[in-house]
Full PDB file with SEQRES, HELIX, SHEET, SSBOND, CRYST1, ORIGX, SCALE, CONECT and MASTER records, all heavy atoms in Angstrom:
SEQRES   1 A   30  GLN ARG GLU LEU VAL ALA THR ILE SER THR ALA ASP SER          
SEQRES   2 A   30  ILE LYS TYR ALA ASP SER VAL GLN GLY ARG PHE THR ILE          
SEQRES   3 A   30  SER ARG ALA ASN                                              
SHEET    1 AA1 2 ALA A   6  ILE A   8  0                                        
SHEET    2 AA1 2 ILE A  14  TYR A  16 -1                                        
CRYST1    1.000    1.000    1.000  90.00  90.00  90.00 P 1           1          
ORIGX1      1.000000  0.000000  0.000000        0.00000                         
ORIGX2      0.000000  1.000000  0.000000        0.00000                         
ORIGX3      0.000000  0.000000  1.000000        0.00000                         
SCALE1      1.000000  0.000000  0.000000        0.00000                         
SCALE2      0.000000  1.000000  0.000000        0.00000                         
SCALE3      0.000000  0.000000  1.000000        0.00000                         
ATOM      1  N   GLN A   1      22.331  46.282 144.725  1.00  0.00           N  
ATOM      2  CA  GLN A   1      21.076  47.004 144.924  1.00  0.00           C  
ATOM      3  C   GLN A   1      19.960  46.031 145.400  1.00  0.00           C  
ATOM      4  O   GLN A   1      20.047  44.839 145.089  1.00  0.00           O  
ATOM      5  CB  GLN A   1      20.688  47.658 143.621  1.00  0.00           C  
ATOM      6  CG  GLN A   1      21.548  48.821 143.252  1.00  0.00           C  
ATOM      7  CD  GLN A   1      20.936  49.622 142.044  1.00  0.00           C  
ATOM      8  OE1 GLN A   1      20.240  49.090 141.203  1.00  0.00           O  
ATOM      9  NE2 GLN A   1      21.217  50.915 141.958  1.00  0.00           N  
ATOM     10  N   ARG A   2      18.966  46.586 146.086  1.00  0.00           N  
ATOM     11  CA  ARG A   2      17.822  45.796 146.384  1.00  0.00           C  
ATOM     12  C   ARG A   2      17.059  45.376 145.172  1.00  0.00           C  
ATOM     13  O   ARG A   2      16.916  46.154 144.225  1.00  0.00           O  
ATOM     14  CB  ARG A   2      16.898  46.615 147.310  1.00  0.00           C  
ATOM     15  CG  ARG A   2      15.837  45.791 148.049  1.00  0.00           C  
ATOM     16  CD  ARG A   2      15.124  46.639 148.987  1.00  0.00           C  
ATOM     17  NE  ARG A   2      15.923  47.060 150.157  1.00  0.00           N  
ATOM     18  CZ  ARG A   2      15.506  47.642 151.233  1.00  0.00           C  
ATOM     19  NH1 ARG A   2      14.195  47.929 151.400  1.00  0.00           N  
ATOM     20  NH2 ARG A   2      16.353  48.029 152.189  1.00  0.00           N  
ATOM     21  N   GLU A   3      16.643  44.060 145.154  1.00  0.00           N  
ATOM     22  CA  GLU A   3      16.017  43.587 143.966  1.00  0.00           C  
ATOM     23  C   GLU A   3      14.715  42.862 144.328  1.00  0.00           C  
ATOM     24  O   GLU A   3      14.575  42.337 145.434  1.00  0.00           O  
ATOM     25  CB  GLU A   3      16.918  42.612 143.175  1.00  0.00           C  
ATOM     26  CG  GLU A   3      17.365  41.378 143.943  1.00  0.00           C  
ATOM     27  CD  GLU A   3      18.207  40.523 143.126  1.00  0.00           C  
ATOM     28  OE1 GLU A   3      18.608  40.753 142.017  1.00  0.00           O  
ATOM     29  OE2 GLU A   3      18.471  39.332 143.646  1.00  0.00           O  
ATOM     30  N   LEU A   4      13.815  42.799 143.373  1.00  0.00           N  
ATOM     31  CA  LEU A   4      12.542  42.064 143.533  1.00  0.00           C  
ATOM     32  C   LEU A   4      12.816  40.523 143.626  1.00  0.00           C  
ATOM     33  O   LEU A   4      13.614  40.019 142.881  1.00  0.00           O  
ATOM     34  CB  LEU A   4      11.633  42.310 142.336  1.00  0.00           C  
ATOM     35  CG  LEU A   4      10.411  41.383 142.209  1.00  0.00           C  
ATOM     36  CD1 LEU A   4       9.334  41.798 143.243  1.00  0.00           C  
ATOM     37  CD2 LEU A   4       9.871  41.493 140.818  1.00  0.00           C  
ATOM     38  N   VAL A   5      12.141  39.901 144.603  1.00  0.00           N  
ATOM     39  CA  VAL A   5      12.090  38.480 144.619  1.00  0.00           C  
ATOM     40  C   VAL A   5      10.752  37.904 144.195  1.00  0.00           C  
ATOM     41  O   VAL A   5      10.736  37.162 143.179  1.00  0.00           O  
ATOM     42  CB  VAL A   5      12.458  37.885 146.076  1.00  0.00           C  
ATOM     43  CG1 VAL A   5      12.367  36.400 146.138  1.00  0.00           C  
ATOM     44  CG2 VAL A   5      13.817  38.455 146.520  1.00  0.00           C  
ATOM     45  N   ALA A   6       9.747  38.380 144.801  1.00  0.00           N  
ATOM     46  CA  ALA A   6       8.459  37.953 144.472  1.00  0.00           C  
ATOM     47  C   ALA A   6       7.374  38.789 145.123  1.00  0.00           C  
ATOM     48  O   ALA A   6       7.589  39.318 146.233  1.00  0.00           O  
ATOM     49  CB  ALA A   6       8.093  36.429 144.977  1.00  0.00           C  
ATOM     50  N   THR A   7       6.259  39.042 144.385  1.00  0.00           N  
ATOM     51  CA  THR A   7       5.127  39.798 144.981  1.00  0.00           C  
ATOM     52  C   THR A   7       3.875  39.093 144.692  1.00  0.00           C  
ATOM     53  O   THR A   7       3.719  38.301 143.656  1.00  0.00           O  
ATOM     54  CB  THR A   7       5.061  41.205 144.408  1.00  0.00           C  
ATOM     55  OG1 THR A   7       4.870  41.129 142.977  1.00  0.00           O  
ATOM     56  CG2 THR A   7       6.371  42.005 144.667  1.00  0.00           C  
ATOM     57  N   ILE A   8       2.814  39.369 145.503  1.00  0.00           N  
ATOM     58  CA  ILE A   8       1.478  38.815 145.316  1.00  0.00           C  
ATOM     59  C   ILE A   8       0.511  39.892 145.729  1.00  0.00           C  
ATOM     60  O   ILE A   8       0.682  40.592 146.720  1.00  0.00           O  
ATOM     61  CB  ILE A   8       1.282  37.529 146.174  1.00  0.00           C  
ATOM     62  CG1 ILE A   8      -0.076  36.890 145.882  1.00  0.00           C  
ATOM     63  CG2 ILE A   8       1.485  37.814 147.680  1.00  0.00           C  
ATOM     64  CD1 ILE A   8      -0.214  35.470 146.451  1.00  0.00           C  
ATOM     65  N   SER A   9      -0.566  39.965 144.902  1.00  0.00           N  
ATOM     66  CA  SER A   9      -1.613  41.004 145.233  1.00  0.00           C  
ATOM     67  C   SER A   9      -2.804  40.335 145.833  1.00  0.00           C  
ATOM     68  O   SER A   9      -2.987  39.145 145.807  1.00  0.00           O  
ATOM     69  CB  SER A   9      -2.008  41.723 143.934  1.00  0.00           C  
ATOM     70  OG  SER A   9      -2.783  40.901 143.079  1.00  0.00           O  
ATOM     71  N   THR A  10      -3.721  41.225 146.327  1.00  0.00           N  
ATOM     72  CA  THR A  10      -4.996  40.669 146.820  1.00  0.00           C  
ATOM     73  C   THR A  10      -5.832  40.076 145.726  1.00  0.00           C  
ATOM     74  O   THR A  10      -6.774  39.363 146.061  1.00  0.00           O  
ATOM     75  CB  THR A  10      -5.783  41.781 147.570  1.00  0.00           C  
ATOM     76  OG1 THR A  10      -5.690  42.994 146.758  1.00  0.00           O  
ATOM     77  CG2 THR A  10      -5.195  42.066 148.930  1.00  0.00           C  
ATOM     78  N   ALA A  11      -5.548  40.370 144.490  1.00  0.00           N  
ATOM     79  CA  ALA A  11      -6.179  39.740 143.377  1.00  0.00           C  
ATOM     80  C   ALA A  11      -5.492  38.469 142.924  1.00  0.00           C  
ATOM     81  O   ALA A  11      -5.730  37.971 141.847  1.00  0.00           O  
ATOM     82  CB  ALA A  11      -6.338  40.777 142.172  1.00  0.00           C  
ATOM     83  N   ASP A  12      -4.453  38.101 143.662  1.00  0.00           N  
ATOM     84  CA  ASP A  12      -3.690  36.854 143.371  1.00  0.00           C  
ATOM     85  C   ASP A  12      -2.826  36.995 142.150  1.00  0.00           C  
ATOM     86  O   ASP A  12      -2.523  36.010 141.483  1.00  0.00           O  
ATOM     87  CB  ASP A  12      -4.635  35.646 143.268  1.00  0.00           C  
ATOM     88  CG  ASP A  12      -4.943  35.123 144.663  1.00  0.00           C  
ATOM     89  OD1 ASP A  12      -4.217  35.381 145.631  1.00  0.00           O  
ATOM     90  OD2 ASP A  12      -6.042  34.502 144.740  1.00  0.00           O  
ATOM     91  N   SER A  13      -2.524  38.216 141.750  1.00  0.00           N  
ATOM     92  CA  SER A  13      -1.439  38.402 140.701  1.00  0.00           C  
ATOM     93  C   SER A  13      -0.086  38.254 141.342  1.00  0.00           C  
ATOM     94  O   SER A  13       0.216  38.863 142.324  1.00  0.00           O  
ATOM     95  CB  SER A  13      -1.574  39.820 140.158  1.00  0.00           C  
ATOM     96  OG  SER A  13      -0.562  40.022 139.176  1.00  0.00           O  
ATOM     97  N   ILE A  14       0.767  37.384 140.691  1.00  0.00           N  
ATOM     98  CA  ILE A  14       2.028  36.968 141.257  1.00  0.00           C  
ATOM     99  C   ILE A  14       3.136  37.312 140.291  1.00  0.00           C  
ATOM    100  O   ILE A  14       2.955  37.097 139.098  1.00  0.00           O  
ATOM    101  CB  ILE A  14       2.012  35.500 141.672  1.00  0.00           C  
ATOM    102  CG1 ILE A  14       1.103  35.151 142.772  1.00  0.00           C  
ATOM    103  CG2 ILE A  14       3.411  35.064 141.933  1.00  0.00           C  
ATOM    104  CD1 ILE A  14       0.982  33.732 143.161  1.00  0.00           C  
ATOM    105  N   LYS A  15       4.257  37.833 140.799  1.00  0.00           N  
ATOM    106  CA  LYS A  15       5.429  38.033 140.011  1.00  0.00           C  
ATOM    107  C   LYS A  15       6.606  37.393 140.692  1.00  0.00           C  
ATOM    108  O   LYS A  15       6.686  37.388 141.885  1.00  0.00           O  
ATOM    109  CB  LYS A  15       5.749  39.548 139.872  1.00  0.00           C  
ATOM    110  CG  LYS A  15       4.846  40.359 139.037  1.00  0.00           C  
ATOM    111  CD  LYS A  15       5.396  41.798 138.912  1.00  0.00           C  
ATOM    112  CE  LYS A  15       4.487  42.635 138.095  1.00  0.00           C  
ATOM    113  NZ  LYS A  15       4.942  44.054 138.044  1.00  0.00           N  
ATOM    114  N   TYR A  16       7.516  36.798 139.929  1.00  0.00           N  
ATOM    115  CA  TYR A  16       8.757  36.245 140.420  1.00  0.00           C  
ATOM    116  C   TYR A  16       9.934  36.808 139.670  1.00  0.00           C  
ATOM    117  O   TYR A  16       9.847  37.043 138.404  1.00  0.00           O  
ATOM    118  CB  TYR A  16       8.823  34.729 140.305  1.00  0.00           C  
ATOM    119  CG  TYR A  16       7.860  33.984 141.168  1.00  0.00           C  
ATOM    120  CD1 TYR A  16       6.709  33.361 140.656  1.00  0.00           C  
ATOM    121  CD2 TYR A  16       8.134  33.789 142.527  1.00  0.00           C  
ATOM    122  CE1 TYR A  16       5.849  32.668 141.486  1.00  0.00           C  
ATOM    123  CE2 TYR A  16       7.261  33.131 143.333  1.00  0.00           C  
ATOM    124  CZ  TYR A  16       6.136  32.532 142.766  1.00  0.00           C  
ATOM    125  OH  TYR A  16       5.223  31.770 143.623  1.00  0.00           O  
ATOM    126  N   ALA A  17      11.054  36.993 140.349  1.00  0.00           N  
ATOM    127  CA  ALA A  17      12.310  37.305 139.574  1.00  0.00           C  
ATOM    128  C   ALA A  17      12.669  36.017 138.779  1.00  0.00           C  
ATOM    129  O   ALA A  17      12.458  34.877 139.289  1.00  0.00           O  
ATOM    130  CB  ALA A  17      13.402  37.652 140.600  1.00  0.00           C  
ATOM    131  N   ASP A  18      13.316  36.204 137.670  1.00  0.00           N  
ATOM    132  CA  ASP A  18      13.734  35.088 136.871  1.00  0.00           C  
ATOM    133  C   ASP A  18      14.658  34.146 137.643  1.00  0.00           C  
ATOM    134  O   ASP A  18      14.578  32.971 137.480  1.00  0.00           O  
ATOM    135  CB  ASP A  18      14.470  35.543 135.596  1.00  0.00           C  
ATOM    136  CG  ASP A  18      13.501  36.179 134.610  1.00  0.00           C  
ATOM    137  OD1 ASP A  18      12.280  36.025 134.742  1.00  0.00           O  
ATOM    138  OD2 ASP A  18      13.997  36.880 133.706  1.00  0.00           O  
ATOM    139  N   SER A  19      15.414  34.752 138.558  1.00  0.00           N  
ATOM    140  CA  SER A  19      16.413  33.917 139.247  1.00  0.00           C  
ATOM    141  C   SER A  19      15.912  32.970 140.231  1.00  0.00           C  
ATOM    142  O   SER A  19      16.545  32.100 140.716  1.00  0.00           O  
ATOM    143  CB  SER A  19      17.454  34.902 139.945  1.00  0.00           C  
ATOM    144  OG  SER A  19      16.740  35.768 140.836  1.00  0.00           O  
ATOM    145  N   VAL A  20      14.623  33.213 140.671  1.00  0.00           N  
ATOM    146  CA  VAL A  20      13.971  32.340 141.706  1.00  0.00           C  
ATOM    147  C   VAL A  20      12.783  31.532 141.100  1.00  0.00           C  
ATOM    148  O   VAL A  20      12.246  30.685 141.848  1.00  0.00           O  
ATOM    149  CB  VAL A  20      13.497  33.180 142.863  1.00  0.00           C  
ATOM    150  CG1 VAL A  20      14.714  34.011 143.449  1.00  0.00           C  
ATOM    151  CG2 VAL A  20      12.309  34.033 142.595  1.00  0.00           C  
ATOM    152  N   GLN A  21      12.424  31.851 139.886  1.00  0.00           N  
ATOM    153  CA  GLN A  21      11.289  31.149 139.261  1.00  0.00           C  
ATOM    154  C   GLN A  21      11.461  29.608 139.318  1.00  0.00           C  
ATOM    155  O   GLN A  21      12.557  29.143 138.983  1.00  0.00           O  
ATOM    156  CB  GLN A  21      11.117  31.614 137.784  1.00  0.00           C  
ATOM    157  CG  GLN A  21       9.945  30.984 137.068  1.00  0.00           C  
ATOM    158  CD  GLN A  21       8.694  31.703 137.387  1.00  0.00           C  
ATOM    159  OE1 GLN A  21       8.550  32.873 137.473  1.00  0.00           O  
ATOM    160  NE2 GLN A  21       7.595  30.912 137.670  1.00  0.00           N  
ATOM    161  N   GLY A  22      10.496  28.921 139.834  1.00  0.00           N  
ATOM    162  CA  GLY A  22      10.580  27.436 139.912  1.00  0.00           C  
ATOM    163  C   GLY A  22      11.145  26.926 141.160  1.00  0.00           C  
ATOM    164  O   GLY A  22      11.099  25.749 141.469  1.00  0.00           O  
ATOM    165  N   ARG A  23      11.805  27.858 141.972  1.00  0.00           N  
ATOM    166  CA  ARG A  23      12.389  27.419 143.222  1.00  0.00           C  
ATOM    167  C   ARG A  23      11.729  28.045 144.398  1.00  0.00           C  
ATOM    168  O   ARG A  23      11.580  27.393 145.485  1.00  0.00           O  
ATOM    169  CB  ARG A  23      13.836  27.811 143.251  1.00  0.00           C  
ATOM    170  CG  ARG A  23      14.749  27.220 142.174  1.00  0.00           C  
ATOM    171  CD  ARG A  23      16.198  27.496 142.435  1.00  0.00           C  
ATOM    172  NE  ARG A  23      16.460  28.952 142.388  1.00  0.00           N  
ATOM    173  CZ  ARG A  23      17.077  29.667 143.366  1.00  0.00           C  
ATOM    174  NH1 ARG A  23      17.366  28.993 144.481  1.00  0.00           N  
ATOM    175  NH2 ARG A  23      17.346  30.914 143.189  1.00  0.00           N  
ATOM    176  N   PHE A  24      11.221  29.214 144.257  1.00  0.00           N  
ATOM    177  CA  PHE A  24      10.532  29.934 145.357  1.00  0.00           C  
ATOM    178  C   PHE A  24       9.014  29.962 145.048  1.00  0.00           C  
ATOM    179  O   PHE A  24       8.595  30.081 143.874  1.00  0.00           O  
ATOM    180  CB  PHE A  24      10.973  31.323 145.454  1.00  0.00           C  
ATOM    181  CG  PHE A  24      12.463  31.498 145.964  1.00  0.00           C  
ATOM    182  CD1 PHE A  24      13.311  30.404 146.107  1.00  0.00           C  
ATOM    183  CD2 PHE A  24      12.968  32.766 146.277  1.00  0.00           C  
ATOM    184  CE1 PHE A  24      14.565  30.573 146.578  1.00  0.00           C  
ATOM    185  CE2 PHE A  24      14.246  32.884 146.822  1.00  0.00           C  
ATOM    186  CZ  PHE A  24      15.094  31.787 146.875  1.00  0.00           C  
ATOM    187  N   THR A  25       8.187  29.978 146.154  1.00  0.00           N  
ATOM    188  CA  THR A  25       6.768  30.087 145.973  1.00  0.00           C  
ATOM    189  C   THR A  25       6.270  31.096 146.993  1.00  0.00           C  
ATOM    190  O   THR A  25       6.512  30.940 148.197  1.00  0.00           O  
ATOM    191  CB  THR A  25       6.050  28.793 146.209  1.00  0.00           C  
ATOM    192  OG1 THR A  25       6.582  27.778 145.245  1.00  0.00           O  
ATOM    193  CG2 THR A  25       4.564  28.923 146.079  1.00  0.00           C  
ATOM    194  N   ILE A  26       5.560  32.064 146.492  1.00  0.00           N  
ATOM    195  CA  ILE A  26       4.868  33.091 147.418  1.00  0.00           C  
ATOM    196  C   ILE A  26       3.447  32.739 147.539  1.00  0.00           C  
ATOM    197  O   ILE A  26       2.809  32.339 146.602  1.00  0.00           O  
ATOM    198  CB  ILE A  26       5.143  34.573 146.833  1.00  0.00           C  
ATOM    199  CG1 ILE A  26       4.718  35.570 147.880  1.00  0.00           C  
ATOM    200  CG2 ILE A  26       4.351  34.770 145.537  1.00  0.00           C  
ATOM    201  CD1 ILE A  26       5.219  36.949 147.619  1.00  0.00           C  
ATOM    202  N   SER A  27       2.922  32.969 148.790  1.00  0.00           N  
ATOM    203  CA  SER A  27       1.466  32.680 149.021  1.00  0.00           C  
ATOM    204  C   SER A  27       1.067  33.693 150.090  1.00  0.00           C  
ATOM    205  O   SER A  27       1.870  34.368 150.746  1.00  0.00           O  
ATOM    206  CB  SER A  27       1.320  31.259 149.504  1.00  0.00           C  
ATOM    207  OG  SER A  27       2.026  30.959 150.642  1.00  0.00           O  
ATOM    208  N   ARG A  28      -0.179  33.727 150.334  1.00  0.00           N  
ATOM    209  CA  ARG A  28      -0.705  34.609 151.355  1.00  0.00           C  
ATOM    210  C   ARG A  28      -1.898  34.041 152.070  1.00  0.00           C  
ATOM    211  O   ARG A  28      -2.569  33.193 151.542  1.00  0.00           O  
ATOM    212  CB  ARG A  28      -1.100  35.967 150.729  1.00  0.00           C  
ATOM    213  CG  ARG A  28      -2.245  35.848 149.725  1.00  0.00           C  
ATOM    214  CD  ARG A  28      -2.407  37.198 148.947  1.00  0.00           C  
ATOM    215  NE  ARG A  28      -3.459  37.137 147.939  1.00  0.00           N  
ATOM    216  CZ  ARG A  28      -4.740  37.350 148.196  1.00  0.00           C  
ATOM    217  NH1 ARG A  28      -5.089  37.772 149.419  1.00  0.00           N  
ATOM    218  NH2 ARG A  28      -5.692  37.225 147.281  1.00  0.00           N  
ATOM    219  N   ALA A  29      -2.079  34.538 153.284  1.00  0.00           N  
ATOM    220  CA  ALA A  29      -3.289  34.193 154.122  1.00  0.00           C  
ATOM    221  C   ALA A  29      -3.974  35.470 154.351  1.00  0.00           C  
ATOM    222  O   ALA A  29      -3.580  36.355 155.157  1.00  0.00           O  
ATOM    223  CB  ALA A  29      -2.839  33.563 155.436  1.00  0.00           C  
ATOM    224  N   ASN A  30      -5.087  35.712 153.567  1.00  0.00           N  
ATOM    225  CA  ASN A  30      -5.811  37.004 153.627  1.00  0.00           C  
ATOM    226  C   ASN A  30      -6.239  37.341 154.995  1.00  0.00           C  
ATOM    227  O   ASN A  30      -6.103  38.549 155.402  1.00  0.00           O  
ATOM    228  CB  ASN A  30      -6.956  36.928 152.685  1.00  0.00           C  
ATOM    229  CG  ASN A  30      -6.605  37.323 151.325  1.00  0.00           C  
ATOM    230  OD1 ASN A  30      -5.433  37.673 151.052  1.00  0.00           O  
ATOM    231  ND2 ASN A  30      -7.521  37.065 150.361  1.00  0.00           N  
TER     232      ASN A  30                                                      
MASTER        0    0    0    0    2    0    0    6  231    1    0    3          
END                                                                             
C-alpha cells in the first residue's frame, strides 16, 4: 500500500515515517 514518507506544512509542522526518521529530511521553499 501507499505509505507516508514525510510531510511539511506552511506552519513548518513536519512528520516523518519511523522508517525514514534520521535519514530523510523534508524542506520547502515557500
